[in-house]
C-alpha atoms as a PDB file:
ATOM      1  CA  MET A   1      -9.905 -14.073   6.453  1.00  0.00           C
ATOM      2  CA  THR A   2     -12.842 -15.992   5.121  1.00  0.00           C
ATOM      3  CA  GLU A   3     -15.366 -15.366   2.340  1.00  0.00           C
ATOM      4  CA  SER A   4     -18.116 -15.175   5.072  1.00  0.00           C
ATOM      5  CA  ALA A   5     -16.680 -11.909   6.228  1.00  0.00           C
ATOM      6  CA  PRO A   6     -18.923  -8.877   5.300  1.00  0.00           C
ATOM      7  CA  SER A   7     -18.097  -7.530   1.626  1.00  0.00           C
ATOM      8  CA  LEU A   8     -20.120  -6.290  -1.406  1.00  0.00           C
ATOM      9  CA  ILE A   9     -17.623  -8.378  -3.647  1.00  0.00           C
ATOM     10  CA  SER A  10     -16.045 -11.706  -3.112  1.00  0.00           C
ATOM     11  CA  ILE A  11     -12.525 -12.353  -3.113  1.00  0.00           C
ATOM     12  CA  GLU A  12     -12.715 -14.452  -6.454  1.00  0.00           C
ATOM     13  CA  GLU A  13     -14.717 -11.535  -7.996  1.00  0.00           C
ATOM     14  CA  ALA A  14     -12.113  -9.025  -6.971  1.00  0.00           C
ATOM     15  CA  LYS A  15      -9.070 -11.111  -8.195  1.00  0.00           C
ATOM     16  CA  ALA A  16     -10.816 -11.193 -11.644  1.00  0.00           C
ATOM     17  CA  LEU A  17     -10.384  -7.482 -11.870  1.00  0.00           C
ATOM     18  CA  TYR A  18      -6.550  -7.454 -11.421  1.00  0.00           C
ATOM     19  CA  PRO A  19      -3.922  -8.283 -14.073  1.00  0.00           C
ATOM     20  CA  GLU A  20      -2.264 -11.507 -13.865  1.00  0.00           C
ATOM     21  CA  ALA A  21       1.191  -9.931 -13.353  1.00  0.00           C
ATOM     22  CA  GLY A  22       2.457 -10.097  -9.599  1.00  0.00           C
ATOM     23  CA  GLY A  23       5.254  -7.828  -8.337  1.00  0.00           C
ATOM     24  CA  ALA A  24       4.720  -5.155  -5.650  1.00  0.00           C
ATOM     25  CA  HIS A  25       1.119  -4.269  -6.531  1.00  0.00           C
ATOM     26  CA  GLY A  26      -0.092  -7.716  -7.622  1.00  0.00           C
ATOM     27  CA  PHE A  27      -3.240  -9.125  -6.139  1.00  0.00           C
ATOM     28  CA  SER A  28      -1.154 -10.762  -3.402  1.00  0.00           C
ATOM     29  CA  HIS A  29      -0.674  -7.077  -2.158  1.00  0.00           C
ATOM     30  CA  VAL A  30      -4.564  -6.819  -1.836  1.00  0.00           C
ATOM     31  CA  LEU A  31      -4.826  -9.835   0.224  1.00  0.00           C
ATOM     32  CA  ARG A  32      -1.961  -8.696   2.541  1.00  0.00           C
ATOM     33  CA  VAL A  33      -3.638  -5.124   2.838  1.00  0.00           C
ATOM     34  CA  LEU A  34      -6.943  -7.085   3.451  1.00  0.00           C
ATOM     35  CA  ARG A  35      -5.630  -8.942   6.496  1.00  0.00           C
ATOM     36  CA  LEU A  36      -4.169  -5.690   7.682  1.00  0.00           C
ATOM     37  CA  THR A  37      -7.482  -3.819   7.286  1.00  0.00           C
ATOM     38  CA  GLU A  38      -9.158  -6.569   9.185  1.00  0.00           C
ATOM     39  CA  ARG A  39      -6.805  -6.341  12.144  1.00  0.00           C
ATOM     40  CA  ILE A  40      -6.911  -2.591  12.133  1.00  0.00           C
ATOM     41  CA  GLY A  41     -10.508  -1.939  11.354  1.00  0.00           C
ATOM     42  CA  GLN A  42     -11.749  -4.419  14.113  1.00  0.00           C
ATOM     43  CA  ALA A  43      -9.455  -2.775  16.640  1.00  0.00           C
ATOM     44  CA  GLU A  44     -10.710   0.790  15.717  1.00  0.00           C
ATOM     45  CA  GLY A  45     -14.280  -0.018  15.430  1.00  0.00           C
ATOM     46  CA  ALA A  46     -14.622   0.529  11.500  1.00  0.00           C
ATOM     47  CA  ASP A  47     -17.574  -0.599   9.298  1.00  0.00           C
ATOM     48  CA  MET A  48     -16.134  -3.677   8.180  1.00  0.00           C
ATOM     49  CA  LEU A  49     -18.409  -4.048   5.166  1.00  0.00           C
ATOM     50  CA  VAL A  50     -17.336  -0.802   3.769  1.00  0.00           C
ATOM     51  CA  LEU A  51     -13.671  -1.370   4.626  1.00  0.00           C
ATOM     52  CA  ARG A  52     -13.365  -4.964   3.217  1.00  0.00           C
ATOM     53  CA  THR A  53     -15.156  -3.940   0.027  1.00  0.00           C
ATOM     54  CA  ALA A  54     -12.941  -0.865  -0.536  1.00  0.00           C
ATOM     55  CA  CYS A  55      -9.922  -2.931   0.273  1.00  0.00           C
ATOM     56  CA  LEU A  56     -10.609  -5.655  -2.404  1.00  0.00           C
ATOM     57  CA  LEU A  57     -11.180  -2.955  -5.016  1.00  0.00           C
ATOM     58  CA  HIS A  58      -8.452  -0.371  -3.948  1.00  0.00           C
ATOM     59  CA  ASP A  59      -5.978  -1.099  -6.720  1.00  0.00           C
ATOM     60  CA  ILE A  60      -8.164  -1.836  -9.609  1.00  0.00           C
ATOM     61  CA  GLY A  61      -7.049   1.228 -11.322  1.00  0.00           C
ATOM     62  CA  ARG A  62      -3.292   0.333 -11.504  1.00  0.00           C
ATOM     63  CA  PRO A  63      -3.585  -0.995 -14.979  1.00  0.00           C
ATOM     64  CA  ALA A  64      -5.211   2.261 -16.041  1.00  0.00           C
ATOM     65  CA  GLU A  65      -2.506   4.306 -14.434  1.00  0.00           C
ATOM     66  CA  ALA A  66       0.234   2.319 -16.135  1.00  0.00           C
ATOM     67  CA  ALA A  67      -1.386   2.626 -19.529  1.00  0.00           C
ATOM     68  CA  ALA A  68      -2.832   6.103 -19.361  1.00  0.00           C
ATOM     69  CA  GLY A  69      -1.034   7.895 -16.447  1.00  0.00           C
ATOM     70  CA  VAL A  70      -4.368   8.299 -14.676  1.00  0.00           C
ATOM     71  CA  CYS A  71      -4.465   8.423 -10.902  1.00  0.00           C
ATOM     72  CA  HIS A  72      -5.191   4.898  -9.858  1.00  0.00           C
ATOM     73  CA  ALA A  73      -7.098   5.830  -6.815  1.00  0.00           C
ATOM     74  CA  GLN A  74      -9.360   8.148  -8.548  1.00  0.00           C
ATOM     75  CA  TRP A  75      -9.911   5.923 -11.471  1.00  0.00           C
ATOM     76  CA  GLY A  76     -10.544   3.027  -9.075  1.00  0.00           C
ATOM     77  CA  ALA A  77     -13.193   4.982  -7.290  1.00  0.00           C
ATOM     78  CA  GLU A  78     -15.173   5.780 -10.290  1.00  0.00           C
ATOM     79  CA  ARG A  79     -14.854   2.018 -11.543  1.00  0.00           C
ATOM     80  CA  ALA A  80     -16.076   1.053  -8.071  1.00  0.00           C
ATOM     81  CA  ARG A  81     -19.174   3.153  -8.357  1.00  0.00           C
ATOM     82  CA  GLN A  82     -20.091   1.425 -11.509  1.00  0.00           C
ATOM     83  CA  LEU A  83     -19.184  -2.169 -10.207  1.00  0.00           C
ATOM     84  CA  LEU A  84     -21.436  -1.631  -7.144  1.00  0.00           C
ATOM     85  CA  ALA A  85     -24.361   0.222  -8.660  1.00  0.00           C
ATOM     86  CA  GLY A  86     -27.557  -1.062  -7.278  1.00  0.00           C
ATOM     87  CA  HIS A  87     -26.246  -1.167  -3.674  1.00  0.00           C
ATOM     88  CA  PRO A  88     -27.288   1.697  -1.281  1.00  0.00           C
ATOM     89  CA  PRO A  89     -25.723   4.930  -2.582  1.00  0.00           C
ATOM     90  CA  GLU A  90     -24.382   6.069   0.946  1.00  0.00           C
ATOM     91  CA  LEU A  91     -22.551   2.640   1.055  1.00  0.00           C
ATOM     92  CA  VAL A  92     -21.152   2.983  -2.455  1.00  0.00           C
ATOM     93  CA  GLU A  93     -19.938   6.364  -1.825  1.00  0.00           C
ATOM     94  CA  ALA A  94     -18.241   5.300   1.627  1.00  0.00           C
ATOM     95  CA  VAL A  95     -16.421   2.662  -0.472  1.00  0.00           C
ATOM     96  CA  ALA A  96     -15.429   5.020  -3.193  1.00  0.00           C
ATOM     97  CA  HIS A  97     -14.128   7.625  -0.909  1.00  0.00           C
ATOM     98  CA  ALA A  98     -12.018   5.107   0.848  1.00  0.00           C
ATOM     99  CA  ILE A  99     -10.527   3.961  -2.452  1.00  0.00           C
ATOM    100  CA  ALA A 100      -9.972   7.551  -3.696  1.00  0.00           C
ATOM    101  CA  ALA A 101      -8.225   8.528  -0.382  1.00  0.00           C
ATOM    102  CA  HIS A 102      -5.946   5.529  -0.027  1.00  0.00           C
ATOM    103  CA  ARG A 103      -2.957   6.673  -2.109  1.00  0.00           C
ATOM    104  CA  PHE A 104       0.166   8.009  -0.494  1.00  0.00           C
ATOM    105  CA  ARG A 105       0.732  10.827  -3.102  1.00  0.00           C
ATOM    106  CA  ASN A 106      -2.793  12.102  -3.150  1.00  0.00           C
ATOM    107  CA  ASP A 107      -4.645  15.335  -2.569  1.00  0.00           C
ATOM    108  CA  VAL A 108      -7.657  13.425  -1.133  1.00  0.00           C
ATOM    109  CA  GLU A 109      -7.702  13.439   2.575  1.00  0.00           C
ATOM    110  CA  PRO A 110      -9.418  10.489   4.334  1.00  0.00           C
ATOM    111  CA  ARG A 111     -12.531  11.827   6.044  1.00  0.00           C
ATOM    112  CA  THR A 112     -13.888   8.609   7.230  1.00  0.00           C
ATOM    113  CA  LEU A 113     -12.598   5.948   9.678  1.00  0.00           C
ATOM    114  CA  GLU A 114     -12.640   3.386   6.987  1.00  0.00           C
ATOM    115  CA  ALA A 115     -10.777   5.595   4.525  1.00  0.00           C
ATOM    116  CA  LYS A 116      -8.137   6.170   7.239  1.00  0.00           C
ATOM    117  CA  VAL A 117      -7.782   2.497   8.018  1.00  0.00           C
ATOM    118  CA  LEU A 118      -7.364   1.552   4.214  1.00  0.00           C
ATOM    119  CA  SER A 119      -4.850   4.211   3.735  1.00  0.00           C
ATOM    120  CA  ASP A 120      -2.917   3.086   6.958  1.00  0.00           C
ATOM    121  CA  ALA A 121      -3.113  -0.614   5.979  1.00  0.00           C
ATOM    122  CA  ASP A 122      -1.794   0.028   2.471  1.00  0.00           C
ATOM    123  CA  LYS A 123       1.279   2.071   3.879  1.00  0.00           C
ATOM    124  CA  LEU A 124       1.898  -0.599   6.381  1.00  0.00           C
ATOM    125  CA  ASP A 125       2.400  -3.132   3.561  1.00  0.00           C
ATOM    126  CA  ALA A 126       5.246  -1.056   2.409  1.00  0.00           C
ATOM    127  CA  LEU A 127       7.139  -1.452   5.873  1.00  0.00           C
ATOM    128  CA  GLY A 128       8.894  -4.275   7.575  1.00  0.00           C
ATOM    129  CA  ALA A 129      10.052  -7.449   5.871  1.00  0.00           C
ATOM    130  CA  VAL A 130       7.365  -7.201   3.386  1.00  0.00           C
ATOM    131  CA  GLY A 131       8.570  -3.695   2.674  1.00  0.00           C
ATOM    132  CA  VAL A 132      12.127  -4.779   2.044  1.00  0.00           C
ATOM    133  CA  ALA A 133      10.843  -7.418  -0.322  1.00  0.00           C
ATOM    134  CA  ARG A 134       8.680  -5.005  -2.316  1.00  0.00           C
ATOM    135  CA  ALA A 135      11.431  -2.479  -2.440  1.00  0.00           C
ATOM    136  CA  TYR A 136      13.732  -5.084  -4.028  1.00  0.00           C
ATOM    137  CA  ALA A 137      11.044  -6.381  -6.368  1.00  0.00           C
ATOM    138  CA  MET A 138      10.630  -2.820  -7.754  1.00  0.00           C
ATOM    139  CA  ALA A 139      14.226  -2.299  -7.922  1.00  0.00           C
ATOM    140  CA  GLY A 140      14.440  -5.440 -10.249  1.00  0.00           C
ATOM    141  CA  GLU A 141      11.693  -4.174 -12.561  1.00  0.00           C
ATOM    142  CA  ARG A 142      13.707  -0.847 -12.974  1.00  0.00           C
ATOM    143  CA  GLY A 143      17.085  -2.697 -13.262  1.00  0.00           C
ATOM    144  CA  SER A 144      18.443  -0.563 -10.368  1.00  0.00           C
ATOM    145  CA  ASP A 145      21.455  -1.531  -8.322  1.00  0.00           C
ATOM    146  CA  LEU A 146      21.113  -3.301  -5.004  1.00  0.00           C
ATOM    147  CA  TRP A 147      22.772  -0.702  -2.874  1.00  0.00           C
ATOM    148  CA  VAL A 148      24.559   2.723  -2.630  1.00  0.00           C
ATOM    149  CA  PRO A 149      26.096   4.044   0.542  1.00  0.00           C
ATOM    150  CA  MET A 150      23.600   5.887   2.726  1.00  0.00           C
ATOM    151  CA  ASP A 151      25.597   9.000   2.702  1.00  0.00           C
ATOM    152  CA  ALA A 152      25.588   8.868  -1.030  1.00  0.00           C
ATOM    153  CA  ALA A 153      21.822   8.461  -1.129  1.00  0.00           C
ATOM    154  CA  ARG A 154      21.132  11.344   1.250  1.00  0.00           C
ATOM    155  CA  GLN A 155      22.756  13.751  -1.300  1.00  0.00           C
ATOM    156  CA  GLY A 156      19.770  13.334  -3.502  1.00  0.00           C
ATOM    157  CA  ASP A 157      17.675  11.100  -5.590  1.00  0.00           C
ATOM    158  CA  ALA A 158      18.054  11.007  -9.194  1.00  0.00           C
ATOM    159  CA  GLY A 159      15.122   8.628  -9.731  1.00  0.00           C
ATOM    160  CA  GLY A 160      14.679   6.011 -12.553  1.00  0.00           C
ATOM    161  CA  LYS A 161      17.475   3.231 -12.446  1.00  0.00           C
ATOM    162  CA  GLU A 162      19.516   5.497 -10.131  1.00  0.00           C
ATOM    163  CA  HIS A 163      16.697   4.897  -7.340  1.00  0.00           C
ATOM    164  CA  THR A 164      17.822   2.115  -5.255  1.00  0.00           C
ATOM    165  CA  PRO A 165      16.019   0.398  -2.379  1.00  0.00           C
ATOM    166  CA  VAL A 166      18.184   2.582  -0.126  1.00  0.00           C
ATOM    167  CA  HIS A 167      16.823   5.637  -1.697  1.00  0.00           C
ATOM    168  CA  GLU A 168      13.208   4.272  -1.282  1.00  0.00           C
ATOM    169  CA  PHE A 169      13.907   3.675   2.369  1.00  0.00           C
ATOM    170  CA  LEU A 170      15.377   7.080   3.019  1.00  0.00           C
ATOM    171  CA  TYR A 171      13.008   9.257   0.956  1.00  0.00           C
ATOM    172  CA  LYS A 172       9.641   7.486   1.320  1.00  0.00           C
ATOM    173  CA  LEU A 173       9.309   4.227   3.480  1.00  0.00           C
ATOM    174  CA  SER A 174      11.055   5.715   6.604  1.00  0.00           C
ATOM    175  CA  ARG A 175       8.582   8.544   6.646  1.00  0.00           C
ATOM    176  CA  LEU A 176       5.420   6.476   6.200  1.00  0.00           C
ATOM    177  CA  PRO A 177       4.725   6.273   9.847  1.00  0.00           C
ATOM    178  CA  GLU A 178       4.238  10.091  10.028  1.00  0.00           C
ATOM    179  CA  HIS A 179       1.352   9.750   7.757  1.00  0.00           C
ATOM    180  CA  LEU A 180      -0.448   7.162   9.489  1.00  0.00           C
ATOM    181  CA  TYR A 181      -4.002   8.060  11.042  1.00  0.00           C
ATOM    182  CA  THR A 182      -4.939   5.258  13.428  1.00  0.00           C
ATOM    183  CA  PRO A 183      -3.100   4.205  16.856  1.00  0.00           C
ATOM    184  CA  THR A 184      -3.319   0.672  16.011  1.00  0.00           C
ATOM    185  CA  ALA A 185      -1.374   1.190  12.802  1.00  0.00           C
ATOM    186  CA  ARG A 186       1.173   3.532  14.290  1.00  0.00           C
ATOM    187  CA  ARG A 187       2.021   0.760  17.042  1.00  0.00           C
ATOM    188  CA  MET A 188       2.287  -1.854  14.082  1.00  0.00           C
ATOM    189  CA  ALA A 189       4.562   0.671  12.176  1.00  0.00           C
ATOM    190  CA  GLU A 190       7.157   0.966  14.940  1.00  0.00           C
ATOM    191  CA  HIS A 191       8.082  -2.600  14.818  1.00  0.00           C
ATOM    192  CA  ARG A 192       8.148  -2.662  11.090  1.00  0.00           C
ATOM    193  CA  LEU A 193      10.227   0.457  10.909  1.00  0.00           C
ATOM    194  CA  ARG A 194      12.837  -0.833  13.345  1.00  0.00           C
ATOM    195  CA  PHE A 195      13.392  -3.998  11.282  1.00  0.00           C
ATOM    196  CA  MET A 196      13.938  -1.940   8.073  1.00  0.00           C
ATOM    197  CA  GLN A 197      16.314   0.296   9.849  1.00  0.00           C
ATOM    198  CA  VAL A 198      18.389  -2.854  11.201  1.00  0.00           C
ATOM    199  CA  PHE A 199      18.245  -4.427   7.713  1.00  0.00           C
ATOM    200  CA  PHE A 200      19.627  -1.390   5.773  1.00  0.00           C
ATOM    201  CA  GLU A 201      22.168  -0.794   8.393  1.00  0.00           C
ATOM    202  CA  GLU A 202      23.242  -4.573   8.181  1.00  0.00           C
ATOM    203  CA  LEU A 203      23.206  -4.255   4.440  1.00  0.00           C
ATOM    204  CA  GLU A 204      25.546  -1.261   4.495  1.00  0.00           C
ATOM    205  CA  ALA A 205      27.963  -3.075   6.901  1.00  0.00           C
ATOM    206  CA  GLU A 206      28.088  -6.219   4.769  1.00  0.00           C
ATOM    207  CA  MET A 207      28.697  -4.347   1.561  1.00  0.00           C
ATOM    208  CA  LEU A 208      31.488  -2.354   3.026  1.00  0.00           C
ATOM    209  CA  GLY A 209      33.094  -5.708   4.126  1.00  0.00           C
ATOM    210  CA  GLU A 210      32.586  -4.885   7.846  1.00  0.00           C
ATOM    211  CA  ARG A 211      30.698  -7.936   8.708  1.00  0.00           C
END
């Protein structure tokens, strides 16, 4: 990943658009997703100029969502149109569509390969060892417990502080591979999901004093 790679915005310019706070959706998330989009996009034959630009801007709407409850994907797409004004309109629209369609909980279906790759890369960052780390980072922000028995979690998800990483895995993360579009991402997800399954099984055994 280098600055010479194609993009309408540099990494440093993009970083300035994100808040200083870290956590699961800080700029380090953007850089991880960027590495994934480059791997998947090159394998699938995507337009890397569109894809890299969209990736660097895909979460710029997070602060607006936190402050005003707007959809960060839709807000980010509109902001990207403003930031990229002056570039060819078809290029800007391709970037904006990828941003608008990347969100997991979204009604916007990715229509282009670039939008599908960005959506896949964003979901992959929630799986595997990184996914476990992110789940616990978010649990720490909520003040949630580390663990509940899987059988108890399967009875329902109360949300809020009661939403543990176990709930997150069972109700969202384990289902992400079903929503991936590209063959490359689906292959990568298989390994990441297996790691998470082993982790939460080991966690349960240790919490119960079985290991």
